[in-house]
Amino acid sequence: MPSNAGPPERRADPRARSLRAGKIIIGHGDSFMSADCVIIELSPHGARVRISSAVRLPPSVALLLISDGLLFDAMVAWRQGDATGLAFKGRHDLRTEDDPAYRSVRALWVELGVRSSEL
């Protein structure tokens, strides 16, 4: 009897469905750009996000999980249309992060929180 289980899981941790708002951060310090994304699946080690295929992504990006104030250093693992797989390399909690390198991204996160609470 054929199996409908699909290909075997290669991730160390299965990803859970998420459907959260996020931002892909490209660049560092004060000279970064951001692009809206939807976090479709999330695990401690990576994520699948939906971001316009028109947005060119370098190999190394960051993912801002807006609701939690978490910033993940990530590598683009794969890209297929608007779907992108990210592998996390590090994590920063913007609620407590005081490294000046993250000051601008933290300011963006604070601004996004203020805007969403005004809606």
PDB file of N, CA and C in Angstrom:
ATOM      1  N   MET A   1       0.847  -1.170   0.000  1.00  0.00           N
ATOM      2  CA  MET A   1       0.000   0.000   0.000  1.00  0.00           C
ATOM      3  C   MET A   1       0.898   1.241   0.000  1.00  0.00           C
ATOM      4  N   PRO A   2       0.676   2.236  -0.908  1.00  0.00           N
ATOM      5  CA  PRO A   2       1.522   3.419  -0.966  1.00  0.00           C
ATOM      6  C   PRO A   2       1.303   4.310   0.249  1.00  0.00           C
ATOM      7  N   SER A   3       2.376   4.978   0.648  1.00  0.00           N
ATOM      8  CA  SER A   3       2.316   5.891   1.793  1.00  0.00           C
ATOM      9  C   SER A   3       2.049   7.308   1.317  1.00  0.00           C
ATOM     10  N   ASN A   4       1.192   8.038   2.022  1.00  0.00           N
ATOM     11  CA  ASN A   4       0.915   9.436   1.703  1.00  0.00           C
ATOM     12  C   ASN A   4       1.608  10.367   2.691  1.00  0.00           C
ATOM     13  N   ALA A   5       2.611   9.854   3.388  1.00  0.00           N
ATOM     14  CA  ALA A   5       3.273  10.636   4.421  1.00  0.00           C
ATOM     15  C   ALA A   5       4.150  11.740   3.854  1.00  0.00           C
ATOM     16  N   GLY A   6       4.532  11.673   2.580  1.00  0.00           N
ATOM     17  CA  GLY A   6       5.385  12.692   1.991  1.00  0.00           C
ATOM     18  C   GLY A   6       6.846  12.401   2.279  1.00  0.00           C
ATOM     19  N   PRO A   7       7.715  13.341   1.900  1.00  0.00           N
ATOM     20  CA  PRO A   7       9.143  13.104   2.118  1.00  0.00           C
ATOM     21  C   PRO A   7       9.478  13.111   3.600  1.00  0.00           C
ATOM     22  N   PRO A   8      10.546  12.436   3.973  1.00  0.00           N
ATOM     23  CA  PRO A   8      10.923  12.399   5.390  1.00  0.00           C
ATOM     24  C   PRO A   8      11.325  13.789   5.886  1.00  0.00           C
ATOM     25  N   GLU A   9      11.044  14.058   7.143  1.00  0.00           N
ATOM     26  CA  GLU A   9      11.390  15.335   7.774  1.00  0.00           C
ATOM     27  C   GLU A   9      12.903  15.397   7.972  1.00  0.00           C
ATOM     28  N   ARG A  10      13.549  16.495   7.500  1.00  0.00           N
ATOM     29  CA  ARG A  10      14.991  16.631   7.642  1.00  0.00           C
ATOM     30  C   ARG A  10      15.363  17.618   8.742  1.00  0.00           C
ATOM     31  N   ARG A  11      14.418  18.344   9.271  1.00  0.00           N
ATOM     32  CA  ARG A  11      14.712  19.342  10.304  1.00  0.00           C
ATOM     33  C   ARG A  11      14.912  18.669  11.655  1.00  0.00           C
ATOM     34  N   ALA A  12      15.765  19.290  12.483  1.00  0.00           N
ATOM     35  CA  ALA A  12      15.982  18.784  13.835  1.00  0.00           C
ATOM     36  C   ALA A  12      14.726  18.962  14.683  1.00  0.00           C
ATOM     37  N   ASP A  13      14.021  20.069  14.489  1.00  0.00           N
ATOM     38  CA  ASP A  13      12.785  20.353  15.219  1.00  0.00           C
ATOM     39  C   ASP A  13      11.678  20.619  14.214  1.00  0.00           C
ATOM     40  N   PRO A  14      10.549  19.942  14.334  1.00  0.00           N
ATOM     41  CA  PRO A  14       9.444  20.239  13.425  1.00  0.00           C
ATOM     42  C   PRO A  14       8.957  21.664  13.635  1.00  0.00           C
ATOM     43  N   ARG A  15       8.541  22.306  12.561  1.00  0.00           N
ATOM     44  CA  ARG A  15       8.029  23.669  12.663  1.00  0.00           C
ATOM     45  C   ARG A  15       6.539  23.644  12.945  1.00  0.00           C
ATOM     46  N   ALA A  16       6.102  24.546  13.798  1.00  0.00           N
ATOM     47  CA  ALA A  16       4.681  24.682  14.121  1.00  0.00           C
ATOM     48  C   ALA A  16       4.092  25.804  13.280  1.00  0.00           C
ATOM     49  N   ARG A  17       2.841  25.626  12.843  1.00  0.00           N
ATOM     50  CA  ARG A  17       2.170  26.689  12.095  1.00  0.00           C
ATOM     51  C   ARG A  17       2.098  27.924  12.962  1.00  0.00           C
ATOM     52  N   SER A  18       2.299  29.088  12.333  1.00  0.00           N
ATOM     53  CA  SER A  18       2.424  30.298  13.113  1.00  0.00           C
ATOM     54  C   SER A  18       1.466  31.401  12.661  1.00  0.00           C
ATOM     55  N   LEU A  19       1.538  31.790  11.397  1.00  0.00           N
ATOM     56  CA  LEU A  19       0.747  32.887  10.827  1.00  0.00           C
ATOM     57  C   LEU A  19       0.864  34.167  11.663  1.00  0.00           C
ATOM     58  N   ARG A  20       2.101  34.637  11.795  1.00  0.00           N
ATOM     59  CA  ARG A  20       2.387  35.871  12.521  1.00  0.00           C
ATOM     60  C   ARG A  20       3.035  36.883  11.590  1.00  0.00           C
ATOM     61  N   ALA A  21       2.872  38.142  11.924  1.00  0.00           N
ATOM     62  CA  ALA A  21       3.507  39.216  11.159  1.00  0.00           C
ATOM     63  C   ALA A  21       4.987  39.281  11.504  1.00  0.00           C
ATOM     64  N   GLY A  22       5.789  39.518  10.488  1.00  0.00           N
ATOM     65  CA  GLY A  22       7.224  39.645  10.700  1.00  0.00           C
ATOM     66  C   GLY A  22       7.825  40.658   9.747  1.00  0.00           C
ATOM     67  N   LYS A  23       9.083  40.895   9.937  1.00  0.00           N
ATOM     68  CA  LYS A  23       9.870  41.751   9.050  1.00  0.00           C
ATOM     69  C   LYS A  23      11.169  41.030   8.759  1.00  0.00           C
ATOM     70  N   ILE A  24      11.543  41.022   7.496  1.00  0.00           N
ATOM     71  CA  ILE A  24      12.871  40.565   7.124  1.00  0.00           C
ATOM     72  C   ILE A  24      13.758  41.799   7.163  1.00  0.00           C
ATOM     73  N   ILE A  25      14.860  41.706   7.869  1.00  0.00           N
ATOM     74  CA  ILE A  25      15.800  42.806   8.011  1.00  0.00           C
ATOM     75  C   ILE A  25      17.020  42.475   7.160  1.00  0.00           C
ATOM     76  N   ILE A  26      17.365  43.401   6.263  1.00  0.00           N
ATOM     77  CA  ILE A  26      18.512  43.231   5.373  1.00  0.00           C
ATOM     78  C   ILE A  26      19.502  44.340   5.700  1.00  0.00           C
ATOM     79  N   GLY A  27      20.706  43.978   6.056  1.00  0.00           N
ATOM     80  CA  GLY A  27      21.731  44.949   6.418  1.00  0.00           C
ATOM     81  C   GLY A  27      21.878  45.042   7.925  1.00  0.00           C
ATOM     82  N   HIS A  28      22.783  45.918   8.374  1.00  0.00           N
ATOM     83  CA  HIS A  28      23.107  46.011   9.797  1.00  0.00           C
ATOM     84  C   HIS A  28      23.162  47.467  10.241  1.00  0.00           C
ATOM     85  N   GLY A  29      23.135  47.654  11.546  1.00  0.00           N
ATOM     86  CA  GLY A  29      23.283  48.990  12.116  1.00  0.00           C
ATOM     87  C   GLY A  29      22.191  49.933  11.663  1.00  0.00           C
ATOM     88  N   ASP A  30      22.581  51.165  11.353  1.00  0.00           N
ATOM     89  CA  ASP A  30      21.609  52.177  10.943  1.00  0.00           C
ATOM     90  C   ASP A  30      21.250  52.095   9.466  1.00  0.00           C
ATOM     91  N   SER A  31      21.963  51.285   8.703  1.00  0.00           N
ATOM     92  CA  SER A  31      21.735  51.246   7.253  1.00  0.00           C
ATOM     93  C   SER A  31      21.048  49.955   6.812  1.00  0.00           C
ATOM     94  N   PHE A  32      19.990  49.572   7.503  1.00  0.00           N
ATOM     95  CA  PHE A  32      19.262  48.363   7.121  1.00  0.00           C
ATOM     96  C   PHE A  32      17.991  48.739   6.373  1.00  0.00           C
ATOM     97  N   MET A  33      17.436  47.780   5.679  1.00  0.00           N
ATOM     98  CA  MET A  33      16.098  47.929   5.101  1.00  0.00           C
ATOM     99  C   MET A  33      15.261  46.783   5.626  1.00  0.00           C
ATOM    100  N   SER A  34      13.951  46.970   5.603  1.00  0.00           N
ATOM    101  CA  SER A  34      13.065  45.911   6.078  1.00  0.00           C
ATOM    102  C   SER A  34      11.970  45.667   5.054  1.00  0.00           C
ATOM    103  N   ALA A  35      11.467  44.452   5.069  1.00  0.00           N
ATOM    104  CA  ALA A  35      10.378  44.060   4.177  1.00  0.00           C
ATOM    105  C   ALA A  35       9.382  43.235   4.985  1.00  0.00           C
ATOM    106  N   ASP A  36       8.094  43.493   4.769  1.00  0.00           N
ATOM    107  CA  ASP A  36       7.045  42.736   5.450  1.00  0.00           C
ATOM    108  C   ASP A  36       7.078  41.273   5.034  1.00  0.00           C
ATOM    109  N   CYS A  37       6.767  40.403   5.985  1.00  0.00           N
ATOM    110  CA  CYS A  37       6.620  38.988   5.686  1.00  0.00           C
ATOM    111  C   CYS A  37       5.576  38.400   6.625  1.00  0.00           C
ATOM    112  N   VAL A  38       5.107  37.217   6.279  1.00  0.00           N
ATOM    113  CA  VAL A  38       4.227  36.449   7.155  1.00  0.00           C
ATOM    114  C   VAL A  38       4.994  35.197   7.544  1.00  0.00           C
ATOM    115  N   ILE A  39       5.075  34.948   8.833  1.00  0.00           N
ATOM    116  CA  ILE A  39       5.766  33.764   9.334  1.00  0.00           C
ATOM    117  C   ILE A  39       4.743  32.626   9.328  1.00  0.00           C
ATOM    118  N   ILE A  40       4.960  31.677   8.435  1.00  0.00           N
ATOM    119  CA  ILE A  40       4.018  30.572   8.229  1.00  0.00           C
ATOM    120  C   ILE A  40       4.281  29.450   9.228  1.00  0.00           C
ATOM    121  N   GLU A  41       5.539  29.092   9.403  1.00  0.00           N
ATOM    122  CA  GLU A  41       5.940  28.037  10.333  1.00  0.00           C
ATOM    123  C   GLU A  41       7.152  28.523  11.099  1.00  0.00           C
ATOM    124  N   LEU A  42       7.247  28.097  12.367  1.00  0.00           N
ATOM    125  CA  LEU A  42       8.327  28.566  13.226  1.00  0.00           C
ATOM    126  C   LEU A  42       8.798  27.429  14.121  1.00  0.00           C
ATOM    127  N   SER A  43      10.116  27.297  14.265  1.00  0.00           N
ATOM    128  CA  SER A  43      10.713  26.345  15.206  1.00  0.00           C
ATOM    129  C   SER A  43      11.884  27.059  15.878  1.00  0.00           C
ATOM    130  N   PRO A  44      12.476  26.448  16.888  1.00  0.00           N
ATOM    131  CA  PRO A  44      13.631  27.085  17.526  1.00  0.00           C
ATOM    132  C   PRO A  44      14.822  27.276  16.582  1.00  0.00           C
ATOM    133  N   HIS A  45      14.856  26.516  15.491  1.00  0.00           N
ATOM    134  CA  HIS A  45      16.009  26.562  14.596  1.00  0.00           C
ATOM    135  C   HIS A  45      15.739  27.137  13.219  1.00  0.00           C
ATOM    136  N   GLY A  46      14.490  27.526  12.919  1.00  0.00           N
ATOM    137  CA  GLY A  46      14.218  28.067  11.601  1.00  0.00           C
ATOM    138  C   GLY A  46      12.770  28.441  11.404  1.00  0.00           C
ATOM    139  N   ALA A  47      12.487  28.934  10.212  1.00  0.00           N
ATOM    140  CA  ALA A  47      11.132  29.379   9.899  1.00  0.00           C
ATOM    141  C   ALA A  47      10.895  29.272   8.393  1.00  0.00           C
ATOM    142  N   ARG A  48       9.610  29.174   8.061  1.00  0.00           N
ATOM    143  CA  ARG A  48       9.184  29.330   6.666  1.00  0.00           C
ATOM    144  C   ARG A  48       8.366  30.602   6.643  1.00  0.00           C
ATOM    145  N   VAL A  49       8.761  31.521   5.769  1.00  0.00           N
ATOM    146  CA  VAL A  49       8.073  32.804   5.683  1.00  0.00           C
ATOM    147  C   VAL A  49       7.553  33.019   4.266  1.00  0.00           C
ATOM    148  N   ARG A  50       6.540  33.882   4.184  1.00  0.00           N
ATOM    149  CA  ARG A  50       6.032  34.296   2.878  1.00  0.00           C
ATOM    150  C   ARG A  50       6.443  35.756   2.706  1.00  0.00           C
ATOM    151  N   ILE A  51       7.237  35.999   1.679  1.00  0.00           N
ATOM    152  CA  ILE A  51       7.713  37.341   1.347  1.00  0.00           C
ATOM    153  C   ILE A  51       7.718  37.448  -0.166  1.00  0.00           C
ATOM    154  N   SER A  52       7.373  38.596  -0.680  1.00  0.00           N
ATOM    155  CA  SER A  52       7.294  38.779  -2.124  1.00  0.00           C
ATOM    156  C   SER A  52       8.578  38.320  -2.802  1.00  0.00           C
ATOM    157  N   SER A  53       8.429  37.571  -3.874  1.00  0.00           N
ATOM    158  CA  SER A  53       9.598  37.104  -4.624  1.00  0.00           C
ATOM    159  C   SER A  53      10.320  38.274  -5.289  1.00  0.00           C
ATOM    160  N   ALA A  54       9.680  39.441  -5.349  1.00  0.00           N
ATOM    161  CA  ALA A  54      10.329  40.630  -5.914  1.00  0.00           C
ATOM    162  C   ALA A  54      11.393  41.197  -4.975  1.00  0.00           C
ATOM    163  N   VAL A  55      11.332  40.824  -3.692  1.00  0.00           N
ATOM    164  CA  VAL A  55      12.327  41.287  -2.723  1.00  0.00           C
ATOM    165  C   VAL A  55      13.558  40.398  -2.853  1.00  0.00           C
ATOM    166  N   ARG A  56      14.675  41.008  -3.221  1.00  0.00           N
ATOM    167  CA  ARG A  56      15.930  40.257  -3.348  1.00  0.00           C
ATOM    168  C   ARG A  56      16.544  40.077  -1.972  1.00  0.00           C
ATOM    169  N   LEU A  57      16.826  38.834  -1.637  1.00  0.00           N
ATOM    170  CA  LEU A  57      17.388  38.524  -0.326  1.00  0.00           C
ATOM    171  C   LEU A  57      18.838  38.082  -0.457  1.00  0.00           C
ATOM    172  N   PRO A  58      19.724  38.662   0.357  1.00  0.00           N
ATOM    173  CA  PRO A  58      21.096  38.155   0.406  1.00  0.00           C
ATOM    174  C   PRO A  58      21.113  36.842   1.192  1.00  0.00           C
ATOM    175  N   PRO A  59      22.221  36.132   1.200  1.00  0.00           N
ATOM    176  CA  PRO A  59      22.280  34.865   1.938  1.00  0.00           C
ATOM    177  C   PRO A  59      22.038  35.006   3.442  1.00  0.00           C
ATOM    178  N   SER A  60      22.416  36.151   4.024  1.00  0.00           N
ATOM    179  CA  SER A  60      22.267  36.356   5.459  1.00  0.00           C
ATOM    180  C   SER A  60      21.286  37.503   5.708  1.00  0.00           C
ATOM    181  N   VAL A  61      20.259  37.237   6.513  1.00  0.00           N
ATOM    182  CA  VAL A  61      19.226  38.222   6.839  1.00  0.00           C
ATOM    183  C   VAL A  61      18.905  38.090   8.323  1.00  0.00           C
ATOM    184  N   ALA A  62      17.958  38.879   8.788  1.00  0.00           N
ATOM    185  CA  ALA A  62      17.417  38.706  10.137  1.00  0.00           C
ATOM    186  C   ALA A  62      15.899  38.671  10.016  1.00  0.00           C
ATOM    187  N   LEU A  63      15.260  37.983  10.927  1.00  0.00           N
ATOM    188  CA  LEU A  63      13.804  37.888  10.970  1.00  0.00           C
ATOM    189  C   LEU A  63      13.337  38.503  12.276  1.00  0.00           C
ATOM    190  N   LEU A  64      12.480  39.513  12.174  1.00  0.00           N
ATOM    191  CA  LEU A  64      11.897  40.158  13.344  1.00  0.00           C
ATOM    192  C   LEU A  64      10.507  39.590  13.579  1.00  0.00           C
ATOM    193  N   LEU A  65      10.325  38.943  14.714  1.00  0.00           N
ATOM    194  CA  LEU A  65       9.022  38.449  15.136  1.00  0.00           C
ATOM    195  C   LEU A  65       8.390  39.586  15.939  1.00  0.00           C
ATOM    196  N   ILE A  66       7.530  40.347  15.286  1.00  0.00           N
ATOM    197  CA  ILE A  66       7.027  41.607  15.828  1.00  0.00           C
ATOM    198  C   ILE A  66       6.308  41.411  17.160  1.00  0.00           C
ATOM    199  N   SER A  67       5.442  40.417  17.250  1.00  0.00           N
ATOM    200  CA  SER A  67       4.626  40.244  18.461  1.00  0.00           C
ATOM    201  C   SER A  67       5.453  39.968  19.715  1.00  0.00           C
ATOM    202  N   ASP A  68       6.624  39.338  19.555  1.00  0.00           N
ATOM    203  CA  ASP A  68       7.432  38.941  20.705  1.00  0.00           C
ATOM    204  C   ASP A  68       8.699  39.773  20.889  1.00  0.00           C
ATOM    205  N   GLY A  69       8.998  40.643  19.937  1.00  0.00           N
ATOM    206  CA  GLY A  69      10.216  41.436  20.032  1.00  0.00           C
ATOM    207  C   GLY A  69      11.477  40.612  19.913  1.00  0.00           C
ATOM    208  N   LEU A  70      11.422  39.534  19.137  1.00  0.00           N
ATOM    209  CA  LEU A  70      12.581  38.673  18.945  1.00  0.00           C
ATOM    210  C   LEU A  70      13.159  38.900  17.555  1.00  0.00           C
ATOM    211  N   LEU A  71      14.474  38.974  17.499  1.00  0.00           N
ATOM    212  CA  LEU A  71      15.188  39.140  16.241  1.00  0.00           C
ATOM    213  C   LEU A  71      16.096  37.933  16.066  1.00  0.00           C
ATOM    214  N   PHE A  72      15.915  37.212  14.964  1.00  0.00           N
ATOM    215  CA  PHE A  72      16.701  36.016  14.678  1.00  0.00           C
ATOM    216  C   PHE A  72      17.692  36.301  13.558  1.00  0.00           C
ATOM    217  N   ASP A  73      18.981  36.062  13.798  1.00  0.00           N
ATOM    218  CA  ASP A  73      19.969  36.070  12.730  1.00  0.00           C
ATOM    219  C   ASP A  73      19.710  34.803  11.924  1.00  0.00           C
ATOM    220  N   ALA A  74      19.668  34.918  10.598  1.00  0.00           N
ATOM    221  CA  ALA A  74      19.277  33.754   9.798  1.00  0.00           C
ATOM    222  C   ALA A  74      20.027  33.687   8.477  1.00  0.00           C
ATOM    223  N   MET A  75      20.067  32.488   7.951  1.00  0.00           N
ATOM    224  CA  MET A  75      20.573  32.223   6.601  1.00  0.00           C
ATOM    225  C   MET A  75      19.384  31.797   5.753  1.00  0.00           C
ATOM    226  N   VAL A  76      19.345  32.256   4.509  1.00  0.00           N
ATOM    227  CA  VAL A  76      18.313  31.807   3.590  1.00  0.00           C
ATOM    228  C   VAL A  76      18.696  30.397   3.152  1.00  0.00           C
ATOM    229  N   ALA A  77      17.868  29.422   3.518  1.00  0.00           N
ATOM    230  CA  ALA A  77      18.142  28.018   3.206  1.00  0.00           C
ATOM    231  C   ALA A  77      17.620  27.650   1.821  1.00  0.00           C
ATOM    232  N   TRP A  78      16.466  28.215   1.447  1.00  0.00           N
ATOM    233  CA  TRP A  78      15.869  27.946   0.145  1.00  0.00           C
ATOM    234  C   TRP A  78      14.843  29.020  -0.157  1.00  0.00           C
ATOM    235  N   ARG A  79      14.495  29.105  -1.415  1.00  0.00           N
ATOM    236  CA  ARG A  79      13.483  30.059  -1.855  1.00  0.00           C
ATOM    237  C   ARG A  79      12.709  29.456  -3.021  1.00  0.00           C
ATOM    238  N   GLN A  80      11.379  29.533  -2.968  1.00  0.00           N
ATOM    239  CA  GLN A  80      10.543  29.010  -4.044  1.00  0.00           C
ATOM    240  C   GLN A  80       9.336  29.930  -4.164  1.00  0.00           C
ATOM    241  N   GLY A  81       9.345  30.796  -5.176  1.00  0.00           N
ATOM    242  CA  GLY A  81       8.279  31.779  -5.324  1.00  0.00           C
ATOM    243  C   GLY A  81       8.280  32.724  -4.136  1.00  0.00           C
ATOM    244  N   ASP A  82       7.118  32.880  -3.491  1.00  0.00           N
ATOM    245  CA  ASP A  82       7.007  33.750  -2.318  1.00  0.00           C
ATOM    246  C   ASP A  82       7.368  33.045  -1.016  1.00  0.00           C
ATOM    247  N   ALA A  83       7.672  31.756  -1.060  1.00  0.00           N
ATOM    248  CA  ALA A  83       8.032  30.995   0.144  1.00  0.00           C
ATOM    249  C   ALA A  83       9.551  30.983   0.313  1.00  0.00           C
ATOM    250  N   THR A  84       9.995  31.193   1.545  1.00  0.00           N
ATOM    251  CA  THR A  84      11.423  31.210   1.858  1.00  0.00           C
ATOM    252  C   THR A  84      11.662  30.459   3.154  1.00  0.00           C
ATOM    253  N   GLY A  85      12.666  29.595   3.149  1.00  0.00           N
ATOM    254  CA  GLY A  85      13.065  28.878   4.353  1.00  0.00           C
ATOM    255  C   GLY A  85      14.269  29.552   4.979  1.00  0.00           C
ATOM    256  N   LEU A  86      14.212  29.768   6.270  1.00  0.00           N
ATOM    257  CA  LEU A  86      15.306  30.401   7.005  1.00  0.00           C
ATOM    258  C   LEU A  86      15.853  29.455   8.060  1.00  0.00           C
ATOM    259  N   ALA A  87      17.165  29.427   8.205  1.00  0.00           N
ATOM    260  CA  ALA A  87      17.834  28.665   9.262  1.00  0.00           C
ATOM    261  C   ALA A  87      18.431  29.677  10.237  1.00  0.00           C
ATOM    262  N   PHE A  88      18.047  29.582  11.513  1.00  0.00           N
ATOM    263  CA  PHE A  88      18.487  30.553  12.503  1.00  0.00           C
ATOM    264  C   PHE A  88      19.915  30.283  12.965  1.00  0.00           C
ATOM    265  N   LYS A  89      20.667  31.377  13.154  1.00  0.00           N
ATOM    266  CA  LYS A  89      22.041  31.301  13.665  1.00  0.00           C
ATOM    267  C   LYS A  89      22.175  31.953  15.034  1.00  0.00           C
ATOM    268  N   GLY A  90      21.228  32.804  15.394  1.00  0.00           N
ATOM    269  CA  GLY A  90      21.295  33.503  16.673  1.00  0.00           C
ATOM    270  C   GLY A  90      19.963  34.160  16.977  1.00  0.00           C
ATOM    271  N   ARG A  91      19.821  34.625  18.212  1.00  0.00           N
ATOM    272  CA  ARG A  91      18.552  35.216  18.641  1.00  0.00           C
ATOM    273  C   ARG A  91      18.835  36.374  19.588  1.00  0.00           C
ATOM    274  N   HIS A  92      18.054  37.448  19.445  1.00  0.00           N
ATOM    275  CA  HIS A  92      18.193  38.634  20.286  1.00  0.00           C
ATOM    276  C   HIS A  92      16.804  39.045  20.768  1.00  0.00           C
ATOM    277  N   ASP A  93      16.681  39.266  22.058  1.00  0.00           N
ATOM    278  CA  ASP A  93      15.427  39.732  22.635  1.00  0.00           C
ATOM    279  C   ASP A  93      15.477  41.260  22.674  1.00  0.00           C
ATOM    280  N   LEU A  94      14.716  41.914  21.809  1.00  0.00           N
ATOM    281  CA  LEU A  94      14.759  43.371  21.707  1.00  0.00           C
ATOM    282  C   LEU A  94      14.175  44.056  22.939  1.00  0.00           C
ATOM    283  N   ARG A  95      13.458  43.319  23.770  1.00  0.00           N
ATOM    284  CA  ARG A  95      12.929  43.902  25.009  1.00  0.00           C
ATOM    285  C   ARG A  95      14.047  44.189  25.997  1.00  0.00           C
ATOM    286  N   THR A  96      15.153  43.431  25.896  1.00  0.00           N
ATOM    287  CA  THR A  96      16.259  43.597  26.844  1.00  0.00           C
ATOM    288  C   THR A  96      17.598  43.878  26.167  1.00  0.00           C
ATOM    289  N   GLU A  97      17.677  43.759  24.862  1.00  0.00           N
ATOM    290  CA  GLU A  97      18.930  43.938  24.117  1.00  0.00           C
ATOM    291  C   GLU A  97      19.422  45.380  24.250  1.00  0.00           C
ATOM    292  N   ASP A  98      20.679  45.556  24.710  1.00  0.00           N
ATOM    293  CA  ASP A  98      21.210  46.905  24.823  1.00  0.00           C
ATOM    294  C   ASP A  98      22.443  47.133  23.952  1.00  0.00           C
ATOM    295  N   ASP A  99      22.765  46.194  23.085  1.00  0.00           N
ATOM    296  CA  ASP A  99      23.875  46.354  22.154  1.00  0.00           C
ATOM    297  C   ASP A  99      23.519  47.458  21.156  1.00  0.00           C
ATOM    298  N   PRO A 100      24.387  48.471  21.015  1.00  0.00           N
ATOM    299  CA  PRO A 100      24.098  49.574  20.083  1.00  0.00           C
ATOM    300  C   PRO A 100      23.892  49.115  18.637  1.00  0.00           C
ATOM    301  N   ALA A 101      24.419  47.958  18.257  1.00  0.00           N
ATOM    302  CA  ALA A 101      24.256  47.455  16.892  1.00  0.00           C
ATOM    303  C   ALA A 101      22.795  47.169  16.561  1.00  0.00           C
ATOM    304  N   TYR A 102      21.960  46.965  17.593  1.00  0.00           N
ATOM    305  CA  TYR A 102      20.552  46.634  17.372  1.00  0.00           C
ATOM    306  C   TYR A 102      19.614  47.798  17.694  1.00  0.00           C
ATOM    307  N   ARG A 103      20.171  48.960  17.961  1.00  0.00           N
ATOM    308  CA  ARG A 103      19.377  50.122  18.359  1.00  0.00           C
ATOM    309  C   ARG A 103      18.330  50.499  17.299  1.00  0.00           C
ATOM    310  N   SER A 104      18.720  50.530  16.036  1.00  0.00           N
ATOM    311  CA  SER A 104      17.788  50.944  14.973  1.00  0.00           C
ATOM    312  C   SER A 104      16.677  49.923  14.755  1.00  0.00           C
ATOM    313  N   VAL A 105      17.013  48.639  14.814  1.00  0.00           N
ATOM    314  CA  VAL A 105      15.985  47.606  14.648  1.00  0.00           C
ATOM    315  C   VAL A 105      15.045  47.628  15.847  1.00  0.00           C
ATOM    316  N   ARG A 106      15.592  47.865  17.032  1.00  0.00           N
ATOM    317  CA  ARG A 106      14.747  47.970  18.222  1.00  0.00           C
ATOM    318  C   ARG A 106      13.783  49.150  18.090  1.00  0.00           C
ATOM    319  N   ALA A 107      14.273  50.282  17.580  1.00  0.00           N
ATOM    320  CA  ALA A 107      13.407  51.451  17.372  1.00  0.00           C
ATOM    321  C   ALA A 107      12.290  51.127  16.386  1.00  0.00           C
ATOM    322  N   LEU A 108      12.604  50.376  15.331  1.00  0.00           N
ATOM    323  CA  LEU A 108      11.581  49.950  14.368  1.00  0.00           C
ATOM    324  C   LEU A 108      10.543  49.089  15.076  1.00  0.00           C
ATOM    325  N   TRP A 109      10.994  48.132  15.882  1.00  0.00           N
ATOM    326  CA  TRP A 109      10.075  47.250  16.598  1.00  0.00           C
ATOM    327  C   TRP A 109       9.164  48.045  17.534  1.00  0.00           C
ATOM    328  N   VAL A 110       9.728  48.996  18.256  1.00  0.00           N
ATOM    329  CA  VAL A 110       8.925  49.820  19.160  1.00  0.00           C
ATOM    330  C   VAL A 110       7.881  50.600  18.357  1.00  0.00           C
ATOM    331  N   GLU A 111       8.289  51.177  17.250  1.00  0.00           N
ATOM    332  CA  GLU A 111       7.352  51.914  16.395  1.00  0.00           C
ATOM    333  C   GLU A 111       6.238  51.014  15.871  1.00  0.00           C
ATOM    334  N   LEU A 112       6.581  49.800  15.462  1.00  0.00           N
ATOM    335  CA  LEU A 112       5.567  48.863  14.977  1.00  0.00           C
ATOM    336  C   LEU A 112       4.594  48.490  16.074  1.00  0.00           C
ATOM    337  N   GLY A 113       5.083  48.335  17.301  1.00  0.00           N
ATOM    338  CA  GLY A 113       4.208  48.025  18.428  1.00  0.00           C
ATOM    339  C   GLY A 113       3.250  49.145  18.740  1.00  0.00           C
ATOM    340  N   VAL A 114       3.752  50.368  18.658  1.00  0.00           N
ATOM    341  CA  VAL A 114       2.892  51.530  18.899  1.00  0.00           C
ATOM    342  C   VAL A 114       1.815  51.613  17.830  1.00  0.00           C
ATOM    343  N   ARG A 115       2.214  51.418  16.570  1.00  0.00           N
ATOM    344  CA  ARG A 115       1.242  51.487  15.479  1.00  0.00           C
ATOM    345  C   ARG A 115       0.167  50.419  15.603  1.00  0.00           C
ATOM    346  N   SER A 116       0.572  49.182  15.935  1.00  0.00           N
ATOM    347  CA  SER A 116      -0.417  48.096  16.018  1.00  0.00           C
ATOM    348  C   SER A 116      -1.355  48.301  17.211  1.00  0.00           C
ATOM    349  N   SER A 117      -0.879  48.923  18.286  1.00  0.00           N
ATOM    350  CA  SER A 117      -1.754  49.143  19.432  1.00  0.00           C
ATOM    351  C   SER A 117      -2.735  50.291  19.176  1.00  0.00           C
ATOM    352  N   GLU A 118      -2.435  51.139  18.190  1.00  0.00           N
ATOM    353  CA  GLU A 118      -3.327  52.245  17.856  1.00  0.00           C
ATOM    354  C   GLU A 118      -4.453  51.808  16.944  1.00  0.00           C
ATOM    355  N   LEU A 119      -4.323  50.651  16.332  1.00  0.00           N
ATOM    356  CA  LEU A 119      -5.346  50.185  15.375  1.00  0.00           C
ATOM    357  C   LEU A 119      -6.593  49.702  16.064  1.00  0.00           C
TER     358      LEU A 119
END
